[in-house]
């Protein structure tokens, strides 16, 4: 079974590293890190992702702008937000986002 590809954006290096580790550890997903909005857009426009996970670090206006830019590139890919709450919540949010497709 092919792993679902998740692009993970978080401006805080330690949190980004933790998110990547948790997602990869599940065995169901492949996680690609991005630390800036520019990096997210570059990776998203050159790769095929099943989901974009937005973590902490961007101002609300910048988050919405980035989400609009991502949907211009591929409106079918869900963008979900995760700002903590543990790994159970993280995986529930990921599964809910993937169910949108």
C-alpha atoms as a PDB file:
ATOM      1  CA  UNK A   1       0.000   0.000   0.000  1.00  0.00           C
ATOM      2  CA  UNK A   2       1.340   3.408  -1.001  1.00  0.00           C
ATOM      3  CA  UNK A   3       1.918   5.815   1.856  1.00  0.00           C
ATOM      4  CA  UNK A   4      -0.010   9.085   1.821  1.00  0.00           C
ATOM      5  CA  UNK A   5       2.247  12.095   1.169  1.00  0.00           C
ATOM      6  CA  UNK A   6       1.927  14.931   3.681  1.00  0.00           C
ATOM      7  CA  UNK A   7       3.611  18.308   3.331  1.00  0.00           C
ATOM      8  CA  UNK A   8       4.190  19.642   6.855  1.00  0.00           C
ATOM      9  CA  UNK A   9       4.703  23.383   7.400  1.00  0.00           C
ATOM     10  CA  UNK A  10       5.891  24.755  10.744  1.00  0.00           C
ATOM     11  CA  UNK A  11       8.147  27.742  11.447  1.00  0.00           C
ATOM     12  CA  UNK A  12       9.457  26.312  14.724  1.00  0.00           C
ATOM     13  CA  UNK A  13      12.267  23.811  13.980  1.00  0.00           C
ATOM     14  CA  UNK A  14      11.766  21.692  17.097  1.00  0.00           C
ATOM     15  CA  UNK A  15       8.028  21.377  16.572  1.00  0.00           C
ATOM     16  CA  UNK A  16       8.509  20.638  12.870  1.00  0.00           C
ATOM     17  CA  UNK A  17      10.981  17.884  13.735  1.00  0.00           C
ATOM     18  CA  UNK A  18       8.511  16.373  16.217  1.00  0.00           C
ATOM     19  CA  UNK A  19       5.641  16.472  13.734  1.00  0.00           C
ATOM     20  CA  UNK A  20       7.748  14.779  11.053  1.00  0.00           C
ATOM     21  CA  UNK A  21       8.903  12.095  13.495  1.00  0.00           C
ATOM     22  CA  UNK A  22       5.356  11.341  14.698  1.00  0.00           C
ATOM     23  CA  UNK A  23       3.897  11.224  11.203  1.00  0.00           C
ATOM     24  CA  UNK A  24       6.668   8.998   9.832  1.00  0.00           C
ATOM     25  CA  UNK A  25       6.518   6.691  12.866  1.00  0.00           C
ATOM     26  CA  UNK A  26       2.892   5.802  12.091  1.00  0.00           C
ATOM     27  CA  UNK A  27       3.999   3.858   9.020  1.00  0.00           C
ATOM     28  CA  UNK A  28       0.970   5.110   7.073  1.00  0.00           C
ATOM     29  CA  UNK A  29       2.378   8.409   5.872  1.00  0.00           C
ATOM     30  CA  UNK A  30       5.446  10.005   4.327  1.00  0.00           C
ATOM     31  CA  UNK A  31       6.106  13.499   5.685  1.00  0.00           C
ATOM     32  CA  UNK A  32       7.979  16.268   3.886  1.00  0.00           C
ATOM     33  CA  UNK A  33       9.069  19.224   6.047  1.00  0.00           C
ATOM     34  CA  UNK A  34       8.869  22.907   5.141  1.00  0.00           C
ATOM     35  CA  UNK A  35       9.828  25.762   7.464  1.00  0.00           C
ATOM     36  CA  UNK A  36       8.614  28.774   5.453  1.00  0.00           C
ATOM     37  CA  UNK A  37       5.676  29.679   3.231  1.00  0.00           C
ATOM     38  CA  UNK A  38       8.063  29.999   0.277  1.00  0.00           C
ATOM     39  CA  UNK A  39       9.410  26.497   0.899  1.00  0.00           C
ATOM     40  CA  UNK A  40       5.860  25.119   1.109  1.00  0.00           C
ATOM     41  CA  UNK A  41       4.934  26.666  -2.236  1.00  0.00           C
ATOM     42  CA  UNK A  42       8.127  25.423  -3.906  1.00  0.00           C
ATOM     43  CA  UNK A  43       7.673  21.864  -2.655  1.00  0.00           C
ATOM     44  CA  UNK A  44       3.942  21.846  -3.359  1.00  0.00           C
ATOM     45  CA  UNK A  45       4.335  23.050  -6.932  1.00  0.00           C
ATOM     46  CA  UNK A  46       6.929  20.372  -7.717  1.00  0.00           C
ATOM     47  CA  UNK A  47       5.541  17.403  -5.767  1.00  0.00           C
ATOM     48  CA  UNK A  48       2.356  15.399  -5.365  1.00  0.00           C
ATOM     49  CA  UNK A  49       0.892  15.646  -1.880  1.00  0.00           C
ATOM     50  CA  UNK A  50      -2.282  14.143  -0.454  1.00  0.00           C
ATOM     51  CA  UNK A  51      -2.490  16.700   2.350  1.00  0.00           C
ATOM     52  CA  UNK A  52      -0.862  19.884   3.649  1.00  0.00           C
ATOM     53  CA  UNK A  53      -0.527  20.146   7.425  1.00  0.00           C
ATOM     54  CA  UNK A  54      -0.067  23.688   8.721  1.00  0.00           C
ATOM     55  CA  UNK A  55       1.576  24.038  12.118  1.00  0.00           C
ATOM     56  CA  UNK A  56       2.491  27.043  14.199  1.00  0.00           C
ATOM     57  CA  UNK A  57       4.467  30.086  13.211  1.00  0.00           C
ATOM     58  CA  UNK A  58       2.615  32.095  10.591  1.00  0.00           C
ATOM     59  CA  UNK A  59       0.312  34.995  11.324  1.00  0.00           C
ATOM     60  CA  UNK A  60      -3.366  34.199  10.604  1.00  0.00           C
ATOM     61  CA  UNK A  61      -3.368  36.437   7.508  1.00  0.00           C
ATOM     62  CA  UNK A  62      -0.247  34.722   6.155  1.00  0.00           C
ATOM     63  CA  UNK A  63      -1.835  31.296   6.768  1.00  0.00           C
ATOM     64  CA  UNK A  64      -4.923  32.225   4.766  1.00  0.00           C
ATOM     65  CA  UNK A  65      -2.819  33.721   1.965  1.00  0.00           C
ATOM     66  CA  UNK A  66      -0.702  30.566   1.803  1.00  0.00           C
ATOM     67  CA  UNK A  67      -3.810  28.384   1.767  1.00  0.00           C
ATOM     68  CA  UNK A  68      -5.243  30.447  -1.134  1.00  0.00           C
ATOM     69  CA  UNK A  69      -1.947  30.082  -3.039  1.00  0.00           C
ATOM     70  CA  UNK A  70      -1.920  26.318  -2.459  1.00  0.00           C
ATOM     71  CA  UNK A  71      -5.488  25.991  -3.709  1.00  0.00           C
ATOM     72  CA  UNK A  72      -4.575  27.929  -6.851  1.00  0.00           C
ATOM     73  CA  UNK A  73      -1.948  25.277  -7.573  1.00  0.00           C
ATOM     74  CA  UNK A  74      -4.147  22.303  -6.639  1.00  0.00           C
ATOM     75  CA  UNK A  75      -7.626  22.942  -5.252  1.00  0.00           C
ATOM     76  CA  UNK A  76      -8.148  19.226  -4.539  1.00  0.00           C
ATOM     77  CA  UNK A  77      -5.462  18.944  -1.842  1.00  0.00           C
ATOM     78  CA  UNK A  78      -6.856  19.548   1.646  1.00  0.00           C
ATOM     79  CA  UNK A  79      -5.082  21.985   3.954  1.00  0.00           C
ATOM     80  CA  UNK A  80      -5.506  21.306   7.661  1.00  0.00           C
ATOM     81  CA  UNK A  81      -4.235  23.138  10.733  1.00  0.00           C
ATOM     82  CA  UNK A  82      -2.630  21.569  13.789  1.00  0.00           C
ATOM     83  CA  UNK A  83      -1.524  23.677  16.744  1.00  0.00           C
ATOM     84  CA  UNK A  84      -0.939  21.023  19.381  1.00  0.00           C
ATOM     85  CA  UNK A  85      -3.036  18.732  21.482  1.00  0.00           C
ATOM     86  CA  UNK A  86      -1.081  15.512  21.224  1.00  0.00           C
ATOM     87  CA  UNK A  87      -0.526  12.790  18.685  1.00  0.00           C
ATOM     88  CA  UNK A  88      -4.070  11.410  18.977  1.00  0.00           C
ATOM     89  CA  UNK A  89      -5.503  14.731  17.868  1.00  0.00           C
ATOM     90  CA  UNK A  90      -2.833  15.058  15.159  1.00  0.00           C
ATOM     91  CA  UNK A  91      -3.774  11.735  13.578  1.00  0.00           C
ATOM     92  CA  UNK A  92      -7.507  12.423  13.912  1.00  0.00           C
ATOM     93  CA  UNK A  93      -7.000  15.731  12.060  1.00  0.00           C
ATOM     94  CA  UNK A  94      -4.906  14.033   9.359  1.00  0.00           C
ATOM     95  CA  UNK A  95      -7.466  11.270   8.825  1.00  0.00           C
ATOM     96  CA  UNK A  96     -10.309  13.793   8.743  1.00  0.00           C
ATOM     97  CA  UNK A  97      -8.419  15.869   6.172  1.00  0.00           C
ATOM     98  CA  UNK A  98      -7.701  12.830   4.016  1.00  0.00           C
ATOM     99  CA  UNK A  99     -11.371  11.843   4.152  1.00  0.00           C
ATOM    100  CA  UNK A 100     -12.161  15.148   2.371  1.00  0.00           C
ATOM    101  CA  UNK A 101     -10.541  13.856  -0.833  1.00  0.00           C
END
